[in-house]
Amino acid sequence: MNYTELKLTLSPDYADILTAELAELGFESFVETDEGLNAYIIEPDFDEAAVQEVIDRYALQTAIVYEVTSLEKRNWNAEWEQSYQPIEVGQAVRVRASFHEPDPAFQFDLVINPKMSFGTGHHETTAMMLEHQLSIDHAGKSVLDVGSGTGILAILAARMGAAPVVAFDIEEWAVENAQENAALNDCAAIRVFQGTIADVDTADRYDIVLANINRNVLLTEIPTYAALMNPGGCLLVSGFYEHDAADIDAKAREAGLRSVGRKTQNGWCSLVFANPA
């Protein structure tokens, strides 16, 4: 299946907000460029009128020019090999692609070949989720990764000793990508399936739930996450702006959770909640 590539020429100050706006329209992956931002979506899901509406909303604030092209799925790796550089999260995690050399100085050397999946640690939301994970004991804990994308969060959880680790994504290609990345990191025991939170067995319970999605999905699904958590468990969420944190926090409190952690970066936010024992 082909993808639509949307090339936006715009001020760097607006790259993050356009990323969030386009994510709401179904765009799945983003690459910041010298000119602005490239965004990718499955071709049948592309709605140029909806894109134009987003751009019109910011027309008085900044100039935005865009170009639409069809991109075959196989070209994605070449795109990333040109722009994907290893990143470091804290002092313990280094995220790289398989064509980069490993660095033994890092405790967790994660190999992530993203293809079309969001989640390499380069975006602030993923990096903050990884940072939160580093502060939580995963040894022997059961983990659920909601909307797993590349599988990076599930992989770090498994590398930190979590078991079992269950991940899911709505997209077939994302599931395949997460499975491939799990194998690259010797985490073959991670179970990845295609589906939504409704497909998770309600009889199962998890010590750690990871959800790096977006504001609307979180506001809808946080009560379900809470119901799937063990007493004393924790929920890590991101994928929203700092000004949305109050709504996320209120929804979590309604579900009986308690706020225990918060990170912000470039206007993005990540929160951690605990389920009282």
Protein backbone atom coordinates (compact mmCIF):
# COMPACT_ATOMS: atom_id res chain seq x y z
CA MET A 1 0.00 0.00 0.00
CA ASN A 2 1.28 3.48 -0.84
CA TYR A 3 1.58 6.37 1.57
CA THR A 4 0.94 10.04 1.04
CA GLU A 5 3.83 12.31 1.92
CA LEU A 6 2.88 15.84 2.94
CA LYS A 7 5.84 18.21 2.76
CA LEU A 8 5.23 21.38 4.76
CA THR A 9 7.39 24.46 4.47
CA LEU A 10 6.86 26.48 7.63
CA SER A 11 8.56 28.17 10.57
CA PRO A 12 10.25 25.69 12.96
CA ASP A 13 8.24 27.26 15.78
CA TYR A 14 5.10 25.68 14.33
CA ALA A 15 6.44 22.20 13.58
CA ASP A 16 5.24 20.71 16.87
CA ILE A 17 1.73 22.14 16.74
CA LEU A 18 1.30 21.02 13.12
CA THR A 19 2.52 17.55 14.14
CA ALA A 20 -0.22 17.39 16.75
CA GLU A 21 -2.88 18.73 14.38
CA LEU A 22 -1.94 16.27 11.62
CA ALA A 23 -1.82 13.37 14.07
CA GLU A 24 -5.47 14.10 14.80
CA LEU A 25 -6.15 13.66 11.07
CA GLY A 26 -4.53 10.22 11.04
CA PHE A 27 -0.99 11.06 9.99
CA GLU A 28 1.24 8.41 11.56
CA SER A 29 4.86 9.47 11.14
CA PHE A 30 6.72 12.75 11.03
CA VAL A 31 10.19 13.93 10.05
CA GLU A 32 11.38 17.45 10.84
CA THR A 33 13.37 18.95 7.97
CA ASP A 34 15.37 22.10 7.33
CA GLU A 35 12.33 23.49 5.52
CA GLY A 36 9.74 22.42 8.08
CA LEU A 37 7.99 19.08 8.41
CA ASN A 38 7.22 15.94 6.40
CA ALA A 39 4.15 13.94 7.46
CA TYR A 40 3.03 10.49 6.31
CA ILE A 41 -0.37 8.83 6.09
CA ILE A 42 -1.83 5.79 4.35
CA GLU A 43 -2.93 7.04 0.95
CA PRO A 44 -6.66 6.15 1.23
CA ASP A 45 -6.84 8.04 4.55
CA PHE A 46 -5.48 11.30 3.14
CA ASP A 47 -8.02 14.15 3.16
CA GLU A 48 -6.57 17.25 1.52
CA ALA A 49 -9.57 19.38 2.48
CA ALA A 50 -9.01 18.56 6.14
CA VAL A 51 -5.33 19.43 5.79
CA GLN A 52 -6.24 22.75 4.21
CA GLU A 53 -8.58 23.52 7.11
CA VAL A 54 -5.71 23.01 9.56
CA ILE A 55 -3.41 25.24 7.54
CA ASP A 56 -6.08 27.93 7.25
CA ARG A 57 -6.37 28.06 11.04
CA TYR A 58 -2.74 29.17 11.26
CA ALA A 59 -2.67 31.37 8.16
CA LEU A 60 -2.71 34.60 10.16
CA GLN A 61 0.13 33.40 12.41
CA THR A 62 2.63 31.94 9.95
CA ALA A 63 3.10 31.21 6.25
CA ILE A 64 2.67 27.53 5.38
CA VAL A 65 3.22 25.99 1.96
CA TYR A 66 2.66 22.31 1.30
CA GLU A 67 3.30 19.72 -1.39
CA VAL A 68 1.65 16.31 -1.71
CA THR A 69 3.34 13.27 -3.22
CA SER A 70 2.76 9.52 -3.28
CA LEU A 71 5.41 7.53 -1.44
CA GLU A 72 5.81 3.78 -1.75
CA LYS A 73 6.28 2.00 1.56
CA ARG A 74 9.67 0.62 0.55
CA ASN A 75 11.10 4.13 0.28
CA TRP A 76 10.62 4.82 3.97
CA ASN A 77 13.84 3.12 5.08
CA ALA A 78 15.89 5.24 2.68
CA GLU A 79 14.23 8.36 4.06
CA TRP A 80 15.15 7.42 7.61
CA GLU A 81 18.69 6.33 6.79
CA GLN A 82 19.32 9.86 5.57
CA SER A 83 17.88 11.62 8.63
CA TYR A 84 17.92 9.12 11.51
CA GLN A 85 20.74 9.75 13.95
CA PRO A 86 21.18 7.87 17.25
CA ILE A 87 19.81 9.66 20.31
CA GLU A 88 20.53 9.36 24.01
CA VAL A 89 17.88 9.38 26.72
CA GLY A 90 19.28 10.07 30.15
CA GLN A 91 22.57 8.35 30.85
CA ALA A 92 21.32 4.80 30.27
CA VAL A 93 19.50 4.57 26.92
CA ARG A 94 20.79 4.98 23.39
CA VAL A 95 18.35 4.51 20.50
CA ARG A 96 19.82 3.68 17.11
CA ALA A 97 18.99 1.96 13.85
CA SER A 98 20.54 -1.34 12.83
CA PHE A 99 22.92 0.42 10.44
CA HIS A 100 24.53 2.35 13.34
CA GLU A 101 27.37 0.91 15.40
CA PRO A 102 26.51 -0.04 19.01
CA ASP A 103 27.90 1.94 21.95
CA PRO A 104 28.72 -0.29 24.95
CA ALA A 105 28.80 2.74 27.25
CA PHE A 106 25.00 2.61 27.49
CA GLN A 107 23.17 0.09 29.64
CA PHE A 108 20.30 -0.14 27.17
CA ASP A 109 21.31 -0.08 23.51
CA LEU A 110 17.98 -0.15 21.66
CA VAL A 111 17.84 -0.97 17.96
CA ILE A 112 14.78 0.57 16.33
CA ASN A 113 14.20 0.41 12.57
CA PRO A 114 11.07 2.57 12.31
CA LYS A 115 9.74 1.99 8.80
CA MET A 116 6.47 3.95 8.90
CA SER A 117 5.95 3.67 12.66
CA PHE A 118 6.04 6.56 15.09
CA GLY A 119 8.36 6.10 18.06
CA THR A 120 12.13 6.26 17.77
CA GLY A 121 12.77 8.42 20.81
CA HIS A 122 13.43 11.44 18.62
CA HIS A 123 10.09 13.02 19.42
CA GLU A 124 9.72 14.63 22.84
CA THR A 125 6.77 12.46 23.85
CA THR A 126 8.63 9.19 23.29
CA ALA A 127 11.80 10.47 24.95
CA MET A 128 9.85 11.54 28.04
CA MET A 129 8.13 8.16 28.24
CA LEU A 130 11.53 6.43 28.13
CA GLU A 131 12.83 8.75 30.86
CA HIS A 132 9.86 7.93 33.08
CA GLN A 133 10.41 4.22 32.49
CA LEU A 134 14.00 4.49 33.66
CA SER A 135 12.77 5.72 37.05
CA ILE A 136 10.42 2.76 37.57
CA ASP A 137 11.36 -0.76 38.63
CA HIS A 138 10.26 -3.07 35.81
CA ALA A 139 11.78 -6.31 37.09
CA GLY A 140 9.17 -9.06 37.05
CA LYS A 141 6.39 -6.57 36.31
CA SER A 142 3.63 -7.18 33.77
CA VAL A 143 3.44 -4.45 31.13
CA LEU A 144 0.84 -3.35 28.57
CA ASP A 145 1.98 -1.05 25.73
CA VAL A 146 -1.02 0.72 24.17
CA GLY A 147 -0.60 1.79 20.54
CA SER A 148 2.93 0.44 20.45
CA GLY A 149 4.13 1.77 17.07
CA THR A 150 7.75 0.65 16.72
CA GLY A 151 7.53 -1.20 20.03
CA ILE A 152 10.25 0.95 21.62
CA LEU A 153 8.53 1.31 25.00
CA ALA A 154 7.73 -2.41 25.24
CA ILE A 155 11.30 -3.22 24.26
CA LEU A 156 12.79 -1.03 26.99
CA ALA A 157 10.36 -2.58 29.47
CA ALA A 158 11.49 -6.08 28.51
CA ARG A 159 15.14 -5.08 28.62
CA MET A 160 14.54 -3.73 32.15
CA GLY A 161 13.26 -7.14 33.23
CA ALA A 162 9.51 -6.86 32.74
CA ALA A 163 7.53 -10.01 32.01
CA PRO A 164 5.09 -10.59 30.52
CA VAL A 165 5.05 -7.68 28.07
CA VAL A 166 2.01 -7.27 25.81
CA ALA A 167 1.81 -4.64 23.07
CA PHE A 168 -0.77 -3.81 20.44
CA ASP A 169 -1.40 -1.40 17.61
CA ILE A 170 -4.32 -0.87 15.27
CA GLU A 171 -2.10 -0.96 12.16
CA GLU A 172 -0.89 -4.27 10.70
CA TRP A 173 2.40 -2.77 9.48
CA ALA A 174 3.08 -1.32 12.95
CA VAL A 175 2.56 -4.74 14.53
CA GLU A 176 5.00 -6.26 12.03
CA ASN A 177 7.50 -3.48 12.73
CA ALA A 178 7.25 -3.93 16.50
CA GLN A 179 7.76 -7.67 16.15
CA GLU A 180 10.83 -7.11 13.97
CA ASN A 181 12.29 -4.59 16.43
CA ALA A 182 11.59 -6.91 19.37
CA ALA A 183 13.58 -9.62 17.62
CA LEU A 184 16.43 -7.18 16.87
CA ASN A 185 16.66 -6.48 20.60
CA ASP A 186 16.45 -10.15 21.66
CA CYS A 187 13.00 -9.54 23.13
CA ALA A 188 11.18 -12.24 21.21
CA ALA A 189 8.98 -12.96 24.23
CA ILE A 190 7.11 -9.68 23.76
CA ARG A 191 3.62 -10.46 22.47
CA VAL A 192 2.39 -7.98 19.88
CA PHE A 193 -1.08 -8.15 18.38
CA GLN A 194 -3.23 -6.07 16.05
CA GLY A 195 -6.20 -4.45 17.71
CA THR A 196 -7.40 -1.83 20.17
CA ILE A 197 -7.80 -1.60 23.93
CA ALA A 198 -11.17 -3.33 23.48
CA ASP A 199 -9.29 -6.46 22.40
CA VAL A 200 -7.32 -6.73 25.65
CA ASP A 201 -8.64 -9.52 27.88
CA THR A 202 -10.50 -7.85 30.75
CA ALA A 203 -9.41 -10.68 33.05
CA ASP A 204 -5.75 -9.66 32.67
CA ARG A 205 -4.08 -7.17 34.99
CA TYR A 206 -0.88 -5.17 34.52
CA ASP A 207 1.63 -3.52 36.82
CA ILE A 208 2.64 -0.92 34.23
CA VAL A 209 0.52 0.53 31.41
CA LEU A 210 2.26 2.63 28.75
CA ALA A 211 0.19 4.87 26.47
CA ASN A 212 1.89 7.39 24.18
CA ILE A 213 -1.05 8.26 21.93
CA ASN A 214 -2.96 11.55 21.86
CA ARG A 215 -5.23 13.62 24.05
CA ASN A 216 -8.57 12.41 22.70
CA VAL A 217 -7.75 8.72 22.89
CA LEU A 218 -6.36 9.12 26.41
CA LEU A 219 -9.44 10.95 27.65
CA THR A 220 -11.60 8.15 26.28
CA GLU A 221 -9.50 5.19 27.40
CA ILE A 222 -7.89 6.13 30.74
CA PRO A 223 -10.78 4.54 32.73
CA THR A 224 -10.14 1.29 30.84
CA TYR A 225 -6.41 1.48 31.55
CA ALA A 226 -7.17 1.98 35.25
CA ALA A 227 -9.46 -1.07 35.27
CA LEU A 228 -6.64 -3.19 33.82
CA MET A 229 -4.07 -2.12 36.44
CA ASN A 230 -3.00 -4.05 39.49
CA PRO A 231 -3.16 -2.29 42.87
CA GLY A 232 0.10 -0.39 43.24
CA GLY A 233 0.55 -0.29 39.47
CA CYS A 234 1.36 2.77 37.41
CA LEU A 235 0.18 4.40 34.20
CA LEU A 236 2.58 6.39 31.99
CA VAL A 237 0.99 8.62 29.36
CA SER A 238 2.12 11.15 26.76
CA GLY A 239 1.24 12.41 23.30
CA PHE A 240 -0.38 15.70 24.35
CA TYR A 241 0.52 19.31 24.98
CA GLU A 242 1.21 20.79 28.39
CA HIS A 243 -2.01 22.81 28.27
CA ASP A 244 -3.96 19.52 28.00
CA ALA A 245 -2.38 18.06 31.14
CA ALA A 246 -5.14 19.33 33.44
CA ASP A 247 -7.80 17.45 31.46
CA ILE A 248 -5.70 14.27 31.44
CA ASP A 249 -5.06 14.59 35.18
CA ALA A 250 -8.74 15.13 35.93
CA LYS A 251 -9.75 12.06 33.92
CA ALA A 252 -7.14 9.93 35.72
CA ARG A 253 -8.33 11.14 39.13
CA GLU A 254 -11.91 10.30 38.17
CA ALA A 255 -10.66 6.78 37.47
CA GLY A 256 -9.15 6.54 40.96
CA LEU A 257 -5.52 7.19 40.00
CA ARG A 258 -3.06 9.54 41.70
CA SER A 259 -0.56 11.79 39.91
CA VAL A 260 3.04 10.94 40.86
CA GLY A 261 5.20 12.25 38.02
CA ARG A 262 5.34 14.91 35.33
CA LYS A 263 7.76 15.94 32.58
CA THR A 264 7.49 18.67 29.98
CA GLN A 265 9.60 19.40 26.93
CA ASN A 266 9.05 22.00 24.23
CA GLY A 267 5.39 22.30 25.17
CA TRP A 268 4.74 18.54 25.19
CA CYS A 269 3.87 16.74 28.42
CA SER A 270 4.12 13.28 29.97
CA LEU A 271 2.42 12.19 33.20
CA VAL A 272 2.70 9.23 35.53
CA PHE A 273 -0.19 8.01 37.68
CA ALA A 274 -0.29 5.43 40.45
CA ASN A 275 -3.11 3.04 41.26
CA PRO A 276 -3.47 3.02 45.08
CA ALA A 277 -2.65 -0.33 46.64
